[in-house]
Amino acid sequence: NPRFASVIANRLWKQAMGLGLIEPVDIIEDNTVASNPELMEFLTETIVELDFDMKQFLRAIYNKVKNF
């Protein structure tokens, strides 16, 4: 399923930040638009590049947020 990476990235973003880029996180359809589409695309690409390693993905999110 091509949406798998987006769903995982969105759920982990919600875990880290308290609010998903797509809410509710359980409903992602073809016409669903993220609150920040560029960030959602970046997060989706990142989770794929990390081979769906959720620990590494969360580490990347926490480290980036900490640096801002």
Protein backbone atom coordinates (compact mmCIF):
# COMPACT_ATOMS: atom_id res chain seq x y z
CA ASN A 1 0.00 0.00 0.00
CA PRO A 2 1.54 3.31 -1.05
CA ARG A 3 0.03 5.13 1.96
CA PHE A 4 1.82 2.95 4.50
CA ALA A 5 4.83 5.27 4.83
CA SER A 6 2.59 8.33 5.23
CA VAL A 7 0.49 6.64 7.89
CA ILE A 8 3.52 5.55 9.91
CA ALA A 9 5.20 8.96 9.59
CA ASN A 10 2.00 10.75 10.63
CA ARG A 11 1.44 8.48 13.64
CA LEU A 12 5.03 8.93 14.83
CA TRP A 13 4.79 12.70 14.32
CA LYS A 14 1.64 12.69 16.46
CA GLN A 15 3.41 10.63 19.12
CA ALA A 16 6.26 13.15 19.21
CA MET A 17 4.31 16.39 18.82
CA GLY A 18 0.85 15.57 20.16
CA LEU A 19 -0.98 16.40 16.93
CA GLY A 20 -0.74 14.67 13.57
CA LEU A 21 -0.28 16.51 10.30
CA ILE A 22 -3.35 14.59 9.16
CA GLU A 23 -6.15 14.33 11.70
CA PRO A 24 -7.72 11.98 12.49
CA VAL A 25 -4.70 9.74 11.96
CA ASP A 26 -6.88 6.73 11.20
CA ILE A 27 -8.49 8.26 8.11
CA ILE A 28 -6.12 8.90 5.21
CA GLU A 29 -7.83 8.82 1.83
CA ASP A 30 -6.88 9.91 -1.69
CA ASN A 31 -8.31 13.40 -1.13
CA THR A 32 -6.82 13.88 2.37
CA VAL A 33 -4.48 16.86 2.64
CA ALA A 34 -1.98 17.35 5.45
CA SER A 35 -1.92 20.61 7.40
CA ASN A 36 1.65 21.05 6.08
CA PRO A 37 1.99 19.04 2.84
CA GLU A 38 5.71 19.78 2.41
CA LEU A 39 6.52 18.52 5.89
CA MET A 40 4.35 15.42 5.37
CA GLU A 41 6.20 14.65 2.15
CA PHE A 42 9.57 15.13 3.88
CA LEU A 43 8.57 12.86 6.77
CA THR A 44 7.29 10.20 4.37
CA GLU A 45 10.54 10.26 2.40
CA THR A 46 12.55 10.14 5.62
CA ILE A 47 10.78 7.07 7.04
CA VAL A 48 11.35 5.26 3.71
CA GLU A 49 15.05 6.26 3.64
CA LEU A 50 15.42 4.93 7.19
CA ASP A 51 13.87 1.59 6.12
CA PHE A 52 10.95 2.17 8.50
CA ASP A 53 13.24 2.21 11.54
CA MET A 54 10.88 3.96 13.92
CA LYS A 55 13.50 4.53 16.61
CA GLN A 56 15.80 6.32 14.14
CA PHE A 57 12.86 8.30 12.75
CA LEU A 58 11.85 9.56 16.19
CA ARG A 59 15.47 10.33 16.99
CA ALA A 60 15.66 12.47 13.84
CA ILE A 61 12.46 14.32 14.79
CA TYR A 62 13.56 14.95 18.36
CA ASN A 63 17.02 16.13 17.33
CA LYS A 64 15.69 18.52 14.69
CA VAL A 65 13.10 20.01 17.03
CA LYS A 66 15.66 20.40 19.79
CA ASN A 67 17.92 22.40 17.47
CA PHE A 68 15.24 24.99 16.65
